[in-house]
Amino acid sequence: MTSHSVGARGRIHGPGRGRFFPSSRLAAALVLAGVVLLLAPRAVSAHGVPTPLDYWGAFGRRVARCQRVIARNAAVCALRSWNIRSDCQLAMLHGAPCDSDAATAAIESLHTAAINSVGAACSEQQVATLVFLGTYEAESDVVTFCRELAAAAESVVFFPVTYGPAPPSPAAQGCIDAAAQATTSLLHTGFESRQRLLDRIALESYSPADKRAMLAESTAAIAQAATALGAQLTQSCAPSDFTTTYGQGVQSFLAQVATRADCLAGQAYAQGGILCPASVCGNRMQEHGEECDDGNQIDGDGCSAQCLRD
């Protein structure tokens, strides 16, 4: 990646917002508790133990605005980075060139833009209220989420390309195309639902019961969206072809994507109601602390049984 310098308040100075070229988140925490989505979670972020959702929020307009900027920049950076990675992979899948250096530079520019936006919008007092150790930490968490989400999505969607025993068949290519499109839509839906929920709680005062009800509503909406996207996906890729290509069913695949998308809430909002799920080596998705994930079914492919590069 391109080099950059760290200036005042940890802000990175580098190239402006990237353009994609298709041819290339001071806690003395109370108690860790909360409702989670699908998998048993853990906090994967630079900040300490998150504040339970029952006690998190009602920060006031200015602090809530800072929180909104942190989360929005994390989501925008992650989605655009994923789009760049996906477009590049799809181009190569179908025999077109991709300028990987230009793609890397564009993603690096997204990191820089996100960091500078957070640094410009948030004061040290505001980020401390939000349970970050400082502005630099909030900026770092945004980039960490952006980088890890894009890598997770790319690894699971394009697993058949990276670790398949042979070049994908035409049927498999259709499944990969459909999986990439469904992943993009589900990430948008998941991010929007979680941001809408947590931005409201950050600004206004709600009872713990109301927060839990709002969280359940958000979770149900994401699950409903995944079901609908699964139905759409199978119109382009037969369920049997999808299982052959990915080694799991459509809804299992989308549930994995939706759960990983909750890292946005775990990384950009220091609350304990929605956390990033624990990394699982061998699930065919590159997650926090992993350098690769080949499903632990192949020897000698450069990815160890600990999901590290050999």
Protein backbone atom coordinates (compact mmCIF):
# COMPACT_ATOMS: atom_id res chain seq x y z
CA MET A 1 0.00 0.00 0.00
CA THR A 2 1.07 3.56 -0.43
CA SER A 3 2.93 5.22 2.43
CA HIS A 4 1.46 7.99 4.54
CA SER A 5 2.39 10.17 7.50
CA VAL A 6 0.60 10.58 10.81
CA GLY A 7 -0.08 14.19 11.76
CA ALA A 8 -1.95 15.98 14.56
CA ARG A 9 -4.46 13.83 16.48
CA GLY A 10 -3.33 10.82 14.51
CA ARG A 11 -4.75 12.07 11.24
CA ILE A 12 -3.21 10.56 8.19
CA HIS A 13 -2.23 12.79 5.35
CA GLY A 14 -2.14 11.21 1.96
CA PRO A 15 -3.92 11.08 -1.35
CA GLY A 16 -7.47 12.37 -1.74
CA ARG A 17 -10.58 10.26 -2.13
CA GLY A 18 -9.68 7.39 -4.38
CA ARG A 19 -11.14 6.67 -7.74
CA PHE A 20 -11.59 3.07 -8.73
CA PHE A 21 -10.24 1.82 -11.97
CA PRO A 22 -12.04 -1.38 -12.93
CA SER A 23 -9.03 -2.55 -15.01
CA SER A 24 -7.12 -3.00 -11.22
CA ARG A 25 -13.29 1.51 15.83
CA LEU A 26 -11.49 4.73 28.59
CA ALA A 27 -13.64 1.99 29.45
CA ALA A 28 -13.92 0.92 33.03
CA ALA A 29 -16.72 -1.19 31.75
CA LEU A 30 -19.74 -2.20 33.80
CA VAL A 31 -20.56 -5.75 32.71
CA LEU A 32 -20.27 -7.29 29.31
CA ALA A 33 -23.80 -8.24 28.33
CA GLY A 34 -26.21 -7.91 25.47
CA VAL A 35 -28.07 -9.52 22.70
CA VAL A 36 -26.08 -10.84 19.77
CA LEU A 37 -26.77 -11.93 16.23
CA LEU A 38 -26.41 -15.57 15.24
CA LEU A 39 -22.95 -16.39 16.64
CA ALA A 40 -21.27 -16.13 20.05
CA PRO A 41 -19.26 -12.86 19.82
CA ARG A 42 -16.25 -11.18 21.22
CA ALA A 43 -15.07 -7.59 20.92
CA VAL A 44 -12.61 -7.18 18.09
CA SER A 45 -11.48 -3.57 18.33
CA ALA A 46 -8.84 -1.32 19.79
CA HIS A 47 -11.08 0.07 22.55
CA GLY A 48 -11.68 -1.82 25.81
CA VAL A 49 -14.70 -3.80 27.00
CA PRO A 50 -17.77 -2.20 25.42
CA THR A 51 -20.46 -0.56 27.54
CA PRO A 52 -23.63 -2.69 27.80
CA LEU A 53 -26.26 -1.36 25.45
CA ASP A 54 -28.67 -0.80 28.40
CA TYR A 55 -26.33 1.97 29.65
CA TRP A 56 -25.03 3.25 26.32
CA GLY A 57 -26.44 6.29 24.50
CA ALA A 58 -28.25 9.63 25.05
CA PHE A 59 -24.96 11.48 24.53
CA GLY A 60 -26.43 14.72 23.20
CA ARG A 61 -26.45 16.20 19.74
CA ARG A 62 -22.74 16.98 19.27
CA VAL A 63 -21.41 13.69 20.59
CA ALA A 64 -24.07 11.79 18.67
CA ARG A 65 -22.97 13.60 15.50
CA CYS A 66 -19.37 12.50 16.11
CA GLN A 67 -20.60 8.94 16.57
CA ARG A 68 -22.59 9.13 13.36
CA VAL A 69 -19.53 10.32 11.44
CA ILE A 70 -17.38 7.50 12.83
CA ALA A 71 -19.89 4.83 11.86
CA ARG A 72 -20.79 6.31 8.49
CA ASN A 73 -17.17 6.60 7.43
CA ALA A 74 -16.48 3.03 8.52
CA ALA A 75 -19.43 1.75 6.50
CA VAL A 76 -18.73 3.83 3.40
CA CYS A 77 -15.06 2.87 3.42
CA ALA A 78 -15.87 -0.82 3.83
CA LEU A 79 -18.55 -0.91 1.14
CA ARG A 80 -16.47 0.98 -1.40
CA SER A 81 -13.41 -1.14 -0.63
CA TRP A 82 -15.48 -4.27 -1.11
CA ASN A 83 -16.84 -2.94 -4.39
CA ILE A 84 -13.32 -2.32 -5.64
CA ARG A 85 -12.14 -5.77 -4.62
CA SER A 86 -15.25 -7.43 -6.02
CA ASP A 87 -15.16 -5.63 -9.36
CA CYS A 88 -11.51 -6.53 -9.77
CA GLN A 89 -12.10 -10.20 -8.97
CA LEU A 90 -15.15 -10.43 -11.23
CA ALA A 91 -13.27 -8.83 -14.09
CA MET A 92 -10.49 -11.40 -13.83
CA LEU A 93 -13.03 -14.21 -13.40
CA HIS A 94 -14.48 -13.32 -16.78
CA GLY A 95 -11.13 -12.84 -18.51
CA ALA A 96 -10.80 -9.06 -18.27
CA PRO A 97 -7.72 -7.30 -16.85
CA CYS A 98 -7.61 -5.63 -13.42
CA ASP A 99 -5.01 -3.06 -12.37
CA SER A 100 -4.31 -4.27 -8.83
CA ASP A 101 -1.98 -1.35 -8.08
CA ALA A 102 -4.69 1.17 -8.97
CA ALA A 103 -7.22 -0.77 -6.91
CA THR A 104 -4.86 -0.81 -3.90
CA ALA A 105 -4.23 2.94 -4.24
CA ALA A 106 -7.97 3.63 -4.45
CA ILE A 107 -8.61 1.60 -1.26
CA GLU A 108 -5.78 3.40 0.52
CA SER A 109 -7.35 6.72 -0.43
CA LEU A 110 -10.62 5.55 1.13
CA HIS A 111 -8.76 4.85 4.38
CA THR A 112 -7.20 8.31 4.31
CA ALA A 113 -10.51 10.05 3.57
CA ALA A 114 -12.27 8.18 6.41
CA ILE A 115 -9.53 9.02 8.93
CA ASN A 116 -9.50 12.70 8.00
CA SER A 117 -13.31 12.94 8.16
CA VAL A 118 -13.41 11.47 11.68
CA GLY A 119 -10.55 13.69 12.85
CA ALA A 120 -12.28 16.79 11.50
CA ALA A 121 -15.69 15.96 13.00
CA CYS A 122 -14.77 14.70 16.50
CA SER A 123 -13.02 16.29 19.47
CA GLU A 124 -10.99 14.35 22.02
CA GLN A 125 -13.73 14.96 24.63
CA GLN A 126 -16.40 13.62 22.30
CA VAL A 127 -14.59 10.42 21.47
CA ALA A 128 -13.79 9.90 25.18
CA THR A 129 -17.51 10.15 25.92
CA LEU A 130 -18.01 7.45 23.32
CA VAL A 131 -15.52 5.21 25.22
CA PHE A 132 -12.65 5.53 22.77
CA LEU A 133 -9.24 6.31 24.25
CA GLY A 134 -8.80 9.19 21.83
CA THR A 135 -9.42 10.41 18.32
CA TYR A 136 -6.54 8.38 16.98
CA GLU A 137 -8.12 5.20 18.33
CA ALA A 138 -11.50 6.00 16.76
CA GLU A 139 -9.77 6.66 13.43
CA SER A 140 -7.81 3.43 13.73
CA ASP A 141 -10.95 1.41 14.44
CA VAL A 142 -12.63 2.83 11.35
CA VAL A 143 -9.78 1.71 9.13
CA THR A 144 -9.49 -1.67 10.85
CA PHE A 145 -13.15 -2.36 10.20
CA CYS A 146 -12.91 -1.13 6.64
CA ARG A 147 -9.94 -3.34 5.87
CA GLU A 148 -11.18 -6.48 7.64
CA LEU A 149 -14.74 -6.36 6.32
CA ALA A 150 -13.62 -6.01 2.72
CA ALA A 151 -11.14 -8.87 3.16
CA ALA A 152 -13.80 -11.08 4.78
CA ALA A 153 -16.31 -10.47 2.02
CA GLU A 154 -13.76 -10.99 -0.74
CA SER A 155 -12.44 -14.21 0.79
CA VAL A 156 -15.81 -15.90 1.24
CA VAL A 157 -17.36 -14.79 -2.05
CA PHE A 158 -14.33 -15.63 -4.16
CA PHE A 159 -13.28 -18.73 -2.21
CA PRO A 160 -13.99 -20.96 -5.23
CA VAL A 161 -11.59 -18.88 -7.32
CA THR A 162 -8.81 -18.82 -4.73
CA TYR A 163 -8.96 -22.38 -3.46
CA GLY A 164 -11.04 -24.28 -6.00
CA PRO A 165 -9.41 -27.39 -7.44
CA ALA A 166 -9.99 -26.10 -10.96
CA PRO A 167 -11.08 -22.91 -12.70
CA PRO A 168 -14.77 -22.28 -11.96
CA SER A 169 -17.18 -23.79 -14.44
CA PRO A 170 -19.73 -21.56 -16.19
CA ALA A 171 -22.33 -22.62 -13.61
CA ALA A 172 -19.93 -21.77 -10.77
CA GLN A 173 -19.14 -18.42 -12.36
CA GLY A 174 -22.84 -17.61 -12.38
CA CYS A 175 -23.05 -18.53 -8.70
CA ILE A 176 -20.06 -16.32 -7.87
CA ASP A 177 -21.59 -13.40 -9.76
CA ALA A 178 -24.88 -13.87 -7.88
CA ALA A 179 -23.13 -14.30 -4.51
CA ALA A 180 -21.17 -11.07 -5.01
CA GLN A 181 -24.32 -9.14 -5.85
CA ALA A 182 -26.24 -10.59 -2.87
CA THR A 183 -23.33 -9.85 -0.54
CA THR A 184 -23.24 -6.21 -1.62
CA SER A 185 -26.98 -5.82 -1.05
CA LEU A 186 -26.91 -7.57 2.33
CA LEU A 187 -23.99 -5.49 3.58
CA HIS A 188 -25.84 -2.30 2.61
CA THR A 189 -28.98 -3.49 4.41
CA GLY A 190 -27.12 -4.66 7.53
CA PHE A 191 -25.06 -1.49 7.85
CA GLU A 192 -28.06 0.77 7.32
CA SER A 193 -30.19 -1.09 9.88
CA ARG A 194 -27.48 -1.15 12.57
CA GLN A 195 -26.50 2.48 11.98
CA ARG A 196 -30.10 3.68 12.12
CA LEU A 197 -30.62 1.81 15.39
CA LEU A 198 -27.44 2.86 17.17
CA ASP A 199 -27.44 6.45 15.91
CA ARG A 200 -30.96 6.90 17.40
CA ILE A 201 -29.83 5.43 20.73
CA ALA A 202 -26.70 7.61 20.73
CA LEU A 203 -28.83 10.74 20.33
CA GLU A 204 -32.01 10.04 22.33
CA SER A 205 -32.89 8.46 25.70
CA TYR A 206 -34.56 5.04 25.59
CA SER A 207 -35.34 2.53 28.31
CA PRO A 208 -33.35 -0.73 28.30
CA ALA A 209 -36.50 -2.58 27.26
CA ASP A 210 -37.03 -0.23 24.33
CA LYS A 211 -33.42 -0.67 23.25
CA ARG A 212 -33.75 -4.44 23.30
CA ALA A 213 -36.97 -4.26 21.31
CA MET A 214 -35.35 -1.97 18.73
CA LEU A 215 -32.39 -4.33 18.47
CA ALA A 216 -34.67 -7.31 17.93
CA GLU A 217 -36.52 -5.41 15.22
CA SER A 218 -33.27 -4.58 13.47
CA THR A 219 -32.08 -8.17 13.66
CA ALA A 220 -35.37 -9.44 12.25
CA ALA A 221 -35.20 -6.95 9.38
CA ILE A 222 -31.71 -8.11 8.43
CA ALA A 223 -32.77 -11.76 8.57
CA GLN A 224 -35.78 -10.99 6.38
CA ALA A 225 -33.56 -9.23 3.87
CA ALA A 226 -31.22 -12.21 3.80
CA THR A 227 -34.12 -14.55 3.08
CA ALA A 228 -35.32 -12.37 0.21
CA LEU A 229 -31.83 -12.07 -1.23
CA GLY A 230 -31.40 -15.81 -1.01
CA ALA A 231 -34.53 -16.29 -3.09
CA GLN A 232 -33.21 -13.85 -5.68
CA LEU A 233 -29.81 -15.52 -5.74
CA THR A 234 -31.26 -18.93 -6.52
CA GLN A 235 -32.90 -17.49 -9.63
CA SER A 236 -29.39 -17.08 -11.07
CA CYS A 237 -27.71 -20.03 -9.38
CA ALA A 238 -29.45 -23.32 -8.70
CA PRO A 239 -29.23 -24.37 -5.01
CA SER A 240 -27.37 -27.54 -5.97
CA ASP A 241 -24.84 -25.52 -7.99
CA PHE A 242 -24.38 -23.10 -5.10
CA THR A 243 -23.71 -25.92 -2.64
CA THR A 244 -21.25 -27.50 -5.05
CA THR A 245 -19.47 -24.18 -5.54
CA TYR A 246 -19.39 -22.98 -1.90
CA GLY A 247 -19.75 -26.12 0.19
CA GLN A 248 -22.77 -24.69 2.01
CA GLY A 249 -26.32 -23.61 1.28
CA VAL A 250 -27.39 -20.13 0.20
CA GLN A 251 -28.97 -19.11 3.52
CA SER A 252 -25.99 -20.40 5.52
CA PHE A 253 -23.68 -18.36 3.30
CA LEU A 254 -25.78 -15.18 3.69
CA ALA A 255 -26.08 -15.67 7.47
CA GLN A 256 -22.27 -15.75 7.62
CA VAL A 257 -22.07 -12.49 5.68
CA ALA A 258 -24.77 -10.81 7.82
CA THR A 259 -23.08 -11.82 11.06
CA ARG A 260 -19.72 -10.55 9.90
CA ALA A 261 -21.34 -7.24 8.92
CA ASP A 262 -22.13 -6.71 12.61
CA CYS A 263 -18.44 -5.94 13.08
CA LEU A 264 -19.47 -2.39 12.07
CA ALA A 265 -21.45 -2.06 15.31
CA GLY A 266 -18.70 -3.73 17.32
CA GLN A 267 -15.93 -1.61 15.85
CA ALA A 268 -17.55 1.82 15.41
CA TYR A 269 -19.89 1.85 18.45
CA ALA A 270 -18.37 0.89 21.85
CA GLN A 271 -21.54 -0.82 23.09
CA GLY A 272 -22.11 -4.42 24.08
CA GLY A 273 -25.40 -5.17 22.35
CA ILE A 274 -23.96 -6.02 18.95
CA LEU A 275 -20.45 -7.36 18.70
CA CYS A 276 -18.25 -8.73 16.00
CA PRO A 277 -18.38 -12.52 16.01
CA ALA A 278 -15.34 -14.52 16.98
CA SER A 279 -13.01 -15.53 14.19
CA VAL A 280 -13.33 -19.14 13.14
CA CYS A 281 -10.39 -20.61 11.27
CA GLY A 282 -11.70 -23.03 8.70
CA ASN A 283 -15.00 -21.32 7.79
CA ARG A 284 -13.69 -20.11 4.42
CA MET A 285 -13.82 -16.43 5.46
CA GLN A 286 -10.70 -14.43 6.34
CA GLU A 287 -11.44 -12.77 9.71
CA HIS A 288 -9.66 -10.83 12.48
CA GLY A 289 -6.24 -12.32 13.18
CA GLU A 290 -6.26 -14.50 10.07
CA GLU A 291 -4.09 -14.13 7.01
CA CYS A 292 -6.08 -16.60 4.92
CA ASP A 293 -8.77 -19.26 5.27
CA ASP A 294 -8.85 -22.22 2.92
CA GLY A 295 -11.47 -24.14 4.91
CA ASN A 296 -8.70 -26.32 6.35
CA GLN A 297 -9.40 -28.90 3.69
CA ILE A 298 -6.33 -28.47 1.51
CA ASP A 299 -2.65 -29.08 2.28
CA GLY A 300 0.18 -27.30 0.55
CA ASP A 301 -1.82 -24.30 -0.71
CA GLY A 302 0.11 -21.69 1.31
CA CYS A 303 -2.53 -21.37 4.05
CA SER A 304 -1.77 -23.22 7.30
CA ALA A 305 -4.22 -24.98 9.61
CA GLN A 306 -3.99 -21.87 11.82
CA CYS A 307 -5.12 -19.65 8.93
CA LEU A 308 -1.69 -18.07 8.54
CA ARG A 309 0.38 -17.83 5.40
CA ASP A 310 3.04 -20.52 5.17
